[in-house]
Amino acid sequence: HWHGETFEIPAGASHEFYSEACTNQCFIYNGRVVGLQFHVEVTEGLLDAIISNGEDELVPGEYVQIREKLLEGAVHIKRNNELMFSILDELDKL
């Protein structure tokens, strides 16, 4: 589950989100395709399940967060879900 792999932005797509750890986090192509490499759909229960399922892979590294740091990120769940529904609402208008 952890994002050890990434993707190339398609030619002609707009590069929307990035970070030092992940250059290609979001793109929009032709106003109709959205590519994401982050999880706006996560709920608190899903976050717990994702961590529990992949906890053996949380080895120390430059961009690897430990369980406690991942759980601290739960404060962003509501805003991420709002972003997800905003994206879906815009796509529904197409």
PDB file of N, CA and C in Angstrom:
ATOM      1  N   HIS A   1       0.803  -1.195   0.000  1.00  0.00           N
ATOM      2  CA  HIS A   1       0.000   0.000   0.000  1.00  0.00           C
ATOM      3  C   HIS A   1       0.850   1.265   0.000  1.00  0.00           C
ATOM      4  N   TRP A   2       1.957   1.263   0.703  1.00  0.00           N
ATOM      5  CA  TRP A   2       2.753   2.489   0.792  1.00  0.00           C
ATOM      6  C   TRP A   2       3.282   2.843  -0.587  1.00  0.00           C
ATOM      7  N   HIS A   3       3.395   4.102  -0.872  1.00  0.00           N
ATOM      8  CA  HIS A   3       3.675   4.560  -2.227  1.00  0.00           C
ATOM      9  C   HIS A   3       5.144   4.447  -2.599  1.00  0.00           C
ATOM     10  N   GLY A   4       5.611   3.244  -2.754  1.00  0.00           N
ATOM     11  CA  GLY A   4       6.978   3.013  -3.185  1.00  0.00           C
ATOM     12  C   GLY A   4       7.138   3.179  -4.681  1.00  0.00           C
ATOM     13  N   GLU A   5       6.037   3.104  -5.396  1.00  0.00           N
ATOM     14  CA  GLU A   5       6.050   3.311  -6.840  1.00  0.00           C
ATOM     15  C   GLU A   5       5.320   4.620  -7.128  1.00  0.00           C
ATOM     16  N   THR A   6       5.572   5.155  -8.295  1.00  0.00           N
ATOM     17  CA  THR A   6       4.874   6.376  -8.690  1.00  0.00           C
ATOM     18  C   THR A   6       4.555   6.295 -10.174  1.00  0.00           C
ATOM     19  N   PHE A   7       4.183   7.379 -10.769  1.00  0.00           N
ATOM     20  CA  PHE A   7       3.770   7.404 -12.166  1.00  0.00           C
ATOM     21  C   PHE A   7       4.333   8.651 -12.829  1.00  0.00           C
ATOM     22  N   GLU A   8       4.299   8.655 -14.142  1.00  0.00           N
ATOM     23  CA  GLU A   8       4.663   9.838 -14.915  1.00  0.00           C
ATOM     24  C   GLU A   8       3.381  10.581 -15.272  1.00  0.00           C
ATOM     25  N   ILE A   9       3.445  11.879 -15.251  1.00  0.00           N
ATOM     26  CA  ILE A   9       2.298  12.694 -15.647  1.00  0.00           C
ATOM     27  C   ILE A   9       2.145  12.584 -17.167  1.00  0.00           C
ATOM     28  N   PRO A  10       0.938  12.295 -17.654  1.00  0.00           N
ATOM     29  CA  PRO A  10       0.746  12.183 -19.107  1.00  0.00           C
ATOM     30  C   PRO A  10       1.036  13.507 -19.821  1.00  0.00           C
ATOM     31  N   ALA A  11       1.521  13.417 -21.030  1.00  0.00           N
ATOM     32  CA  ALA A  11       1.757  14.612 -21.842  1.00  0.00           C
ATOM     33  C   ALA A  11       0.449  15.381 -21.972  1.00  0.00           C
ATOM     34  N   GLY A  12       0.509  16.667 -21.764  1.00  0.00           N
ATOM     35  CA  GLY A  12      -0.675  17.508 -21.878  1.00  0.00           C
ATOM     36  C   GLY A  12      -1.473  17.646 -20.594  1.00  0.00           C
ATOM     37  N   ALA A  13      -1.109  16.917 -19.557  1.00  0.00           N
ATOM     38  CA  ALA A  13      -1.824  17.009 -18.278  1.00  0.00           C
ATOM     39  C   ALA A  13      -1.254  18.156 -17.450  1.00  0.00           C
ATOM     40  N   SER A  14      -2.075  18.706 -16.580  1.00  0.00           N
ATOM     41  CA  SER A  14      -1.583  19.746 -15.677  1.00  0.00           C
ATOM     42  C   SER A  14      -1.159  19.101 -14.360  1.00  0.00           C
ATOM     43  N   HIS A  15       0.005  19.481 -13.907  1.00  0.00           N
ATOM     44  CA  HIS A  15       0.611  18.953 -12.685  1.00  0.00           C
ATOM     45  C   HIS A  15       0.064  19.785 -11.526  1.00  0.00           C
ATOM     46  N   GLU A  16      -0.730  19.179 -10.652  1.00  0.00           N
ATOM     47  CA  GLU A  16      -1.440  19.938  -9.627  1.00  0.00           C
ATOM     48  C   GLU A  16      -0.794  19.908  -8.246  1.00  0.00           C
ATOM     49  N   PHE A  17      -0.451  18.728  -7.727  1.00  0.00           N
ATOM     50  CA  PHE A  17       0.095  18.622  -6.373  1.00  0.00           C
ATOM     51  C   PHE A  17       1.393  17.844  -6.398  1.00  0.00           C
ATOM     52  N   TYR A  18       2.310  18.229  -5.534  1.00  0.00           N
ATOM     53  CA  TYR A  18       3.583  17.525  -5.403  1.00  0.00           C
ATOM     54  C   TYR A  18       4.144  17.791  -4.011  1.00  0.00           C
ATOM     55  N   SER A  19       5.111  17.006  -3.643  1.00  0.00           N
ATOM     56  CA  SER A  19       5.841  17.237  -2.398  1.00  0.00           C
ATOM     57  C   SER A  19       7.283  16.815  -2.623  1.00  0.00           C
ATOM     58  N   GLU A  20       8.120  17.090  -1.670  1.00  0.00           N
ATOM     59  CA  GLU A  20       9.512  16.660  -1.763  1.00  0.00           C
ATOM     60  C   GLU A  20       9.599  15.135  -1.850  1.00  0.00           C
ATOM     61  N   ALA A  21       8.728  14.461  -1.131  1.00  0.00           N
ATOM     62  CA  ALA A  21       8.759  12.997  -1.094  1.00  0.00           C
ATOM     63  C   ALA A  21       8.142  12.362  -2.332  1.00  0.00           C
ATOM     64  N   CYS A  22       7.196  13.051  -2.957  1.00  0.00           N
ATOM     65  CA  CYS A  22       6.477  12.464  -4.100  1.00  0.00           C
ATOM     66  C   CYS A  22       6.201  13.560  -5.127  1.00  0.00           C
ATOM     67  N   THR A  23       6.953  13.539  -6.194  1.00  0.00           N
ATOM     68  CA  THR A  23       6.858  14.594  -7.202  1.00  0.00           C
ATOM     69  C   THR A  23       5.492  14.654  -7.874  1.00  0.00           C
ATOM     70  N   ASN A  24       4.915  13.512  -8.145  1.00  0.00           N
ATOM     71  CA  ASN A  24       3.646  13.464  -8.877  1.00  0.00           C
ATOM     72  C   ASN A  24       2.526  12.969  -7.970  1.00  0.00           C
ATOM     73  N   GLN A  25       1.880  13.897  -7.270  1.00  0.00           N
ATOM     74  CA  GLN A  25       0.794  13.504  -6.386  1.00  0.00           C
ATOM     75  C   GLN A  25      -0.571  13.696  -7.017  1.00  0.00           C
ATOM     76  N   CYS A  26      -0.672  14.578  -7.989  1.00  0.00           N
ATOM     77  CA  CYS A  26      -1.970  14.806  -8.627  1.00  0.00           C
ATOM     78  C   CYS A  26      -1.771  15.444  -9.994  1.00  0.00           C
ATOM     79  N   PHE A  27      -2.589  14.989 -10.944  1.00  0.00           N
ATOM     80  CA  PHE A  27      -2.647  15.653 -12.236  1.00  0.00           C
ATOM     81  C   PHE A  27      -4.086  15.666 -12.720  1.00  0.00           C
ATOM     82  N   ILE A  28      -4.364  16.600 -13.615  1.00  0.00           N
ATOM     83  CA  ILE A  28      -5.664  16.660 -14.287  1.00  0.00           C
ATOM     84  C   ILE A  28      -5.382  16.621 -15.774  1.00  0.00           C
ATOM     85  N   TYR A  29      -6.083  15.744 -16.467  1.00  0.00           N
ATOM     86  CA  TYR A  29      -5.879  15.575 -17.901  1.00  0.00           C
ATOM     87  C   TYR A  29      -7.173  15.871 -18.632  1.00  0.00           C
ATOM     88  N   ASN A  30      -7.095  16.785 -19.572  1.00  0.00           N
ATOM     89  CA  ASN A  30      -8.207  17.096 -20.451  1.00  0.00           C
ATOM     90  C   ASN A  30      -9.456  17.519 -19.674  1.00  0.00           C
ATOM     91  N   GLY A  31      -9.274  18.036 -18.464  1.00  0.00           N
ATOM     92  CA  GLY A  31     -10.407  18.499 -17.674  1.00  0.00           C
ATOM     93  C   GLY A  31     -11.368  17.415 -17.238  1.00  0.00           C
ATOM     94  N   ARG A  32     -11.018  16.144 -17.501  1.00  0.00           N
ATOM     95  CA  ARG A  32     -11.956  15.053 -17.219  1.00  0.00           C
ATOM     96  C   ARG A  32     -11.332  13.884 -16.465  1.00  0.00           C
ATOM     97  N   VAL A  33     -10.023  13.872 -16.366  1.00  0.00           N
ATOM     98  CA  VAL A  33      -9.327  12.765 -15.699  1.00  0.00           C
ATOM     99  C   VAL A  33      -8.506  13.348 -14.551  1.00  0.00           C
ATOM    100  N   VAL A  34      -8.648  12.757 -13.380  1.00  0.00           N
ATOM    101  CA  VAL A  34      -7.872  13.174 -12.217  1.00  0.00           C
ATOM    102  C   VAL A  34      -7.069  11.974 -11.741  1.00  0.00           C
ATOM    103  N   GLY A  35      -5.756  12.151 -11.643  1.00  0.00           N
ATOM    104  CA  GLY A  35      -4.891  11.094 -11.118  1.00  0.00           C
ATOM    105  C   GLY A  35      -4.329  11.530  -9.778  1.00  0.00           C
ATOM    106  N   LEU A  36      -4.517  10.699  -8.762  1.00  0.00           N
ATOM    107  CA  LEU A  36      -4.072  11.027  -7.406  1.00  0.00           C
ATOM    108  C   LEU A  36      -3.131   9.963  -6.873  1.00  0.00           C
ATOM    109  N   GLN A  37      -2.146  10.385  -6.103  1.00  0.00           N
ATOM    110  CA  GLN A  37      -1.326   9.436  -5.360  1.00  0.00           C
ATOM    111  C   GLN A  37      -1.321   9.863  -3.896  1.00  0.00           C
ATOM    112  N   PHE A  38      -2.496   9.985  -3.367  1.00  0.00           N
ATOM    113  CA  PHE A  38      -2.718  10.181  -1.938  1.00  0.00           C
ATOM    114  C   PHE A  38      -4.162   9.797  -1.677  1.00  0.00           C
ATOM    115  N   HIS A  39      -4.492   9.612  -0.428  1.00  0.00           N
ATOM    116  CA  HIS A  39      -5.779   9.008  -0.090  1.00  0.00           C
ATOM    117  C   HIS A  39      -6.739  10.013   0.532  1.00  0.00           C
ATOM    118  N   VAL A  40      -7.628  10.550  -0.290  1.00  0.00           N
ATOM    119  CA  VAL A  40      -8.655  11.457   0.215  1.00  0.00           C
ATOM    120  C   VAL A  40      -9.855  10.688   0.766  1.00  0.00           C
ATOM    121  N   GLU A  41      -9.907   9.382   0.534  1.00  0.00           N
ATOM    122  CA  GLU A  41     -11.049   8.561   0.950  1.00  0.00           C
ATOM    123  C   GLU A  41     -10.897   7.967   2.344  1.00  0.00           C
ATOM    124  N   VAL A  42      -9.783   8.212   2.987  1.00  0.00           N
ATOM    125  CA  VAL A  42      -9.494   7.576   4.275  1.00  0.00           C
ATOM    126  C   VAL A  42     -10.432   8.086   5.371  1.00  0.00           C
ATOM    127  N   THR A  43     -10.918   7.153   6.161  1.00  0.00           N
ATOM    128  CA  THR A  43     -11.661   7.443   7.385  1.00  0.00           C
ATOM    129  C   THR A  43     -10.775   7.008   8.550  1.00  0.00           C
ATOM    130  N   GLU A  44     -11.180   7.320   9.768  1.00  0.00           N
ATOM    131  CA  GLU A  44     -10.364   6.890  10.911  1.00  0.00           C
ATOM    132  C   GLU A  44     -10.250   5.371  10.961  1.00  0.00           C
ATOM    133  N   GLY A  45     -11.364   4.670  10.707  1.00  0.00           N
ATOM    134  CA  GLY A  45     -11.329   3.207  10.712  1.00  0.00           C
ATOM    135  C   GLY A  45     -10.432   2.653   9.623  1.00  0.00           C
ATOM    136  N   LEU A  46     -10.498   3.259   8.441  1.00  0.00           N
ATOM    137  CA  LEU A  46      -9.657   2.803   7.335  1.00  0.00           C
ATOM    138  C   LEU A  46      -8.185   3.094   7.618  1.00  0.00           C
ATOM    139  N   LEU A  47      -7.899   4.231   8.227  1.00  0.00           N
ATOM    140  CA  LEU A  47      -6.513   4.553   8.581  1.00  0.00           C
ATOM    141  C   LEU A  47      -5.948   3.490   9.517  1.00  0.00           C
ATOM    142  N   ASP A  48      -6.714   3.122  10.527  1.00  0.00           N
ATOM    143  CA  ASP A  48      -6.269   2.071  11.449  1.00  0.00           C
ATOM    144  C   ASP A  48      -6.021   0.764  10.705  1.00  0.00           C
ATOM    145  N   ALA A  49      -6.931   0.407   9.790  1.00  0.00           N
ATOM    146  CA  ALA A  49      -6.791  -0.847   9.040  1.00  0.00           C
ATOM    147  C   ALA A  49      -5.568  -0.823   8.125  1.00  0.00           C
ATOM    148  N   ILE A  50      -5.348   0.297   7.445  1.00  0.00           N
ATOM    149  CA  ILE A  50      -4.193   0.420   6.546  1.00  0.00           C
ATOM    150  C   ILE A  50      -2.892   0.271   7.335  1.00  0.00           C
ATOM    151  N   ILE A  51      -2.825   0.948   8.475  1.00  0.00           N
ATOM    152  CA  ILE A  51      -1.608   0.879   9.286  1.00  0.00           C
ATOM    153  C   ILE A  51      -1.399  -0.534   9.809  1.00  0.00           C
ATOM    154  N   SER A  52      -2.446  -1.139  10.335  1.00  0.00           N
ATOM    155  CA  SER A  52      -2.324  -2.499  10.880  1.00  0.00           C
ATOM    156  C   SER A  52      -1.910  -3.493   9.806  1.00  0.00           C
ATOM    157  N   ASN A  53      -2.487  -3.354   8.618  1.00  0.00           N
ATOM    158  CA  ASN A  53      -2.201  -4.281   7.527  1.00  0.00           C
ATOM    159  C   ASN A  53      -0.773  -4.149   7.007  1.00  0.00           C
ATOM    160  N   GLY A  54      -0.216  -2.936   7.029  1.00  0.00           N
ATOM    161  CA  GLY A  54       1.112  -2.727   6.452  1.00  0.00           C
ATOM    162  C   GLY A  54       2.162  -2.304   7.448  1.00  0.00           C
ATOM    163  N   GLU A  55       1.881  -2.495   8.726  1.00  0.00           N
ATOM    164  CA  GLU A  55       2.792  -1.987   9.754  1.00  0.00           C
ATOM    165  C   GLU A  55       4.187  -2.594   9.663  1.00  0.00           C
ATOM    166  N   ASP A  56       4.289  -3.824   9.196  1.00  0.00           N
ATOM    167  CA  ASP A  56       5.604  -4.462   9.076  1.00  0.00           C
ATOM    168  C   ASP A  56       6.486  -3.767   8.043  1.00  0.00           C
ATOM    169  N   GLU A  57       5.885  -2.958   7.171  1.00  0.00           N
ATOM    170  CA  GLU A  57       6.636  -2.236   6.147  1.00  0.00           C
ATOM    171  C   GLU A  57       7.070  -0.846   6.613  1.00  0.00           C
ATOM    172  N   LEU A  58       6.665  -0.438   7.803  1.00  0.00           N
ATOM    173  CA  LEU A  58       7.003   0.890   8.315  1.00  0.00           C
ATOM    174  C   LEU A  58       8.387   0.872   8.953  1.00  0.00           C
ATOM    175  N   VAL A  59       9.376   0.735   8.109  1.00  0.00           N
ATOM    176  CA  VAL A  59      10.765   0.713   8.572  1.00  0.00           C
ATOM    177  C   VAL A  59      11.325   2.135   8.489  1.00  0.00           C
ATOM    178  N   PRO A  60      12.205   2.500   9.381  1.00  0.00           N
ATOM    179  CA  PRO A  60      12.741   3.864   9.367  1.00  0.00           C
ATOM    180  C   PRO A  60      13.329   4.239   8.005  1.00  0.00           C
ATOM    181  N   GLY A  61      12.992   5.433   7.558  1.00  0.00           N
ATOM    182  CA  GLY A  61      13.494   5.941   6.294  1.00  0.00           C
ATOM    183  C   GLY A  61      13.171   7.415   6.183  1.00  0.00           C
ATOM    184  N   GLU A  62      13.756   8.059   5.197  1.00  0.00           N
ATOM    185  CA  GLU A  62      13.611   9.507   5.065  1.00  0.00           C
ATOM    186  C   GLU A  62      12.154   9.944   4.973  1.00  0.00           C
ATOM    187  N   TYR A  63      11.334   9.213   4.232  1.00  0.00           N
ATOM    188  CA  TYR A  63       9.941   9.610   4.042  1.00  0.00           C
ATOM    189  C   TYR A  63       8.960   8.586   4.601  1.00  0.00           C
ATOM    190  N   VAL A  64       9.413   7.732   5.488  1.00  0.00           N
ATOM    191  CA  VAL A  64       8.541   6.720   6.087  1.00  0.00           C
ATOM    192  C   VAL A  64       8.129   7.201   7.469  1.00  0.00           C
ATOM    193  N   GLN A  65       6.828   7.355   7.656  1.00  0.00           N
ATOM    194  CA  GLN A  65       6.321   7.784   8.949  1.00  0.00           C
ATOM    195  C   GLN A  65       6.037   6.566   9.823  1.00  0.00           C
ATOM    196  N   ILE A  66       6.323   6.691  11.098  1.00  0.00           N
ATOM    197  CA  ILE A  66       6.002   5.614  12.022  1.00  0.00           C
ATOM    198  C   ILE A  66       4.512   5.685  12.368  1.00  0.00           C
ATOM    199  N   ARG A  67       4.009   4.611  12.942  1.00  0.00           N
ATOM    200  CA  ARG A  67       2.585   4.491  13.270  1.00  0.00           C
ATOM    201  C   ARG A  67       2.045   5.749  13.972  1.00  0.00           C
ATOM    202  N   GLU A  68       2.745   6.221  14.980  1.00  0.00           N
ATOM    203  CA  GLU A  68       2.271   7.366  15.752  1.00  0.00           C
ATOM    204  C   GLU A  68       2.121   8.612  14.880  1.00  0.00           C
ATOM    205  N   LYS A  69       3.083   8.846  13.993  1.00  0.00           N
ATOM    206  CA  LYS A  69       3.007  10.009  13.097  1.00  0.00           C
ATOM    207  C   LYS A  69       1.837   9.867  12.125  1.00  0.00           C
ATOM    208  N   LEU A  70       1.632   8.661  11.605  1.00  0.00           N
ATOM    209  CA  LEU A  70       0.501   8.438  10.709  1.00  0.00           C
ATOM    210  C   LEU A  70      -0.815   8.723  11.423  1.00  0.00           C
ATOM    211  N   LEU A  71      -0.932   8.267  12.655  1.00  0.00           N
ATOM    212  CA  LEU A  71      -2.161   8.492  13.418  1.00  0.00           C
ATOM    213  C   LEU A  71      -2.357   9.971  13.748  1.00  0.00           C
ATOM    214  N   GLU A  72      -1.265  10.713  13.925  1.00  0.00           N
ATOM    215  CA  GLU A  72      -1.377  12.159  14.143  1.00  0.00           C
ATOM    216  C   GLU A  72      -2.022  12.836  12.935  1.00  0.00           C
ATOM    217  N   GLY A  73      -1.838  12.263  11.762  1.00  0.00           N
ATOM    218  CA  GLY A  73      -2.419  12.810  10.545  1.00  0.00           C
ATOM    219  C   GLY A  73      -3.926  12.691  10.476  1.00  0.00           C
ATOM    220  N   ALA A  74      -4.530  11.975  11.416  1.00  0.00           N
ATOM    221  CA  ALA A  74      -5.985  11.811  11.424  1.00  0.00           C
ATOM    222  C   ALA A  74      -6.706  13.153  11.532  1.00  0.00           C
ATOM    223  N   VAL A  75      -6.027  14.177  12.026  1.00  0.00           N
ATOM    224  CA  VAL A  75      -6.659  15.498  12.121  1.00  0.00           C
ATOM    225  C   VAL A  75      -7.008  16.052  10.736  1.00  0.00           C
ATOM    226  N   HIS A  76      -6.428  15.495   9.681  1.00  0.00           N
ATOM    227  CA  HIS A  76      -6.669  15.973   8.316  1.00  0.00           C
ATOM    228  C   HIS A  76      -7.766  15.187   7.597  1.00  0.00           C
ATOM    229  N   ILE A  77      -8.298  14.161   8.226  1.00  0.00           N
ATOM    230  CA  ILE A  77      -9.266  13.294   7.553  1.00  0.00           C
ATOM    231  C   ILE A  77     -10.492  14.067   7.082  1.00  0.00           C
ATOM    232  N   LYS A  78     -11.069  14.891   7.926  1.00  0.00           N
ATOM    233  CA  LYS A  78     -12.279  15.628   7.548  1.00  0.00           C
ATOM    234  C   LYS A  78     -12.014  16.501   6.320  1.00  0.00           C
ATOM    235  N   ARG A  79     -10.922  17.233   6.320  1.00  0.00           N
ATOM    236  CA  ARG A  79     -10.600  18.114   5.185  1.00  0.00           C
ATOM    237  C   ARG A  79     -10.310  17.301   3.925  1.00  0.00           C
ATOM    238  N   ASN A  80      -9.616  16.188   4.067  1.00  0.00           N
ATOM    239  CA  ASN A  80      -9.345  15.332   2.909  1.00  0.00           C
ATOM    240  C   ASN A  80     -10.637  14.780   2.327  1.00  0.00           C
ATOM    241  N   ASN A  81     -11.565  14.367   3.182  1.00  0.00           N
ATOM    242  CA  ASN A  81     -12.854  13.866   2.696  1.00  0.00           C
ATOM    243  C   ASN A  81     -13.628  14.973   1.986  1.00  0.00           C
ATOM    244  N   GLU A  82     -13.560  16.197   2.509  1.00  0.00           N
ATOM    245  CA  GLU A  82     -14.201  17.331   1.837  1.00  0.00           C
ATOM    246  C   GLU A  82     -13.599  17.542   0.454  1.00  0.00           C
ATOM    247  N   LEU A  83     -12.280  17.431   0.346  1.00  0.00           N
ATOM    248  CA  LEU A  83     -11.614  17.551  -0.950  1.00  0.00           C
ATOM    249  C   LEU A  83     -12.095  16.467  -1.896  1.00  0.00           C
ATOM    250  N   MET A  84     -12.202  15.237  -1.397  1.00  0.00           N
ATOM    251  CA  MET A  84     -12.668  14.130  -2.231  1.00  0.00           C
ATOM    252  C   MET A  84     -14.063  14.425  -2.783  1.00  0.00           C
ATOM    253  N   PHE A  85     -14.979  14.860  -1.921  1.00  0.00           N
ATOM    254  CA  PHE A  85     -16.337  15.123  -2.383  1.00  0.00           C
ATOM    255  C   PHE A  85     -16.384  16.314  -3.325  1.00  0.00           C
ATOM    256  N   SER A  86     -15.520  17.288  -3.122  1.00  0.00           N
ATOM    257  CA  SER A  86     -15.437  18.418  -4.039  1.00  0.00           C
ATOM    258  C   SER A  86     -14.984  17.957  -5.425  1.00  0.00           C
ATOM    259  N   ILE A  87     -13.974  17.102  -5.470  1.00  0.00           N
ATOM    260  CA  ILE A  87     -13.502  16.547  -6.750  1.00  0.00           C
ATOM    261  C   ILE A  87     -14.616  15.750  -7.413  1.00  0.00           C
ATOM    262  N   LEU A  88     -15.278  14.898  -6.643  1.00  0.00           N
ATOM    263  CA  LEU A  88     -16.361  14.076  -7.203  1.00  0.00           C
ATOM    264  C   LEU A  88     -17.519  14.938  -7.692  1.00  0.00           C
ATOM    265  N   ASP A  89     -17.861  15.992  -6.957  1.00  0.00           N
ATOM    266  CA  ASP A  89     -18.929  16.893  -7.395  1.00  0.00           C
ATOM    267  C   ASP A  89     -18.579  17.548  -8.727  1.00  0.00           C
ATOM    268  N   GLU A  90     -17.321  17.974  -8.882  1.00  0.00           N
ATOM    269  CA  GLU A  90     -16.903  18.588 -10.143  1.00  0.00           C
ATOM    270  C   GLU A  90     -16.935  17.580 -11.290  1.00  0.00           C
ATOM    271  N   LEU A  91     -16.490  16.368 -11.035  1.00  0.00           N
ATOM    272  CA  LEU A  91     -16.526  15.339 -12.078  1.00  0.00           C
ATOM    273  C   LEU A  91     -17.957  14.984 -12.452  1.00  0.00           C
ATOM    274  N   ASP A  92     -18.861  15.022 -11.485  1.00  0.00           N
ATOM    275  CA  ASP A  92     -20.269  14.707 -11.740  1.00  0.00           C
ATOM    276  C   ASP A  92     -20.911  15.726 -12.674  1.00  0.00           C
ATOM    277  N   LYS A  93     -20.384  16.938 -12.706  1.00  0.00           N
ATOM    278  CA  LYS A  93     -20.920  17.994 -13.567  1.00  0.00           C
ATOM    279  C   LYS A  93     -20.532  17.811 -15.032  1.00  0.00           C
ATOM    280  N   LEU A  94     -19.567  16.961 -15.299  1.00  0.00           N
ATOM    281  CA  LEU A  94     -19.078  16.793 -16.678  1.00  0.00           C
ATOM    282  C   LEU A  94     -20.091  16.078 -17.548  1.00  0.00           C
TER     283      LEU A  94
END
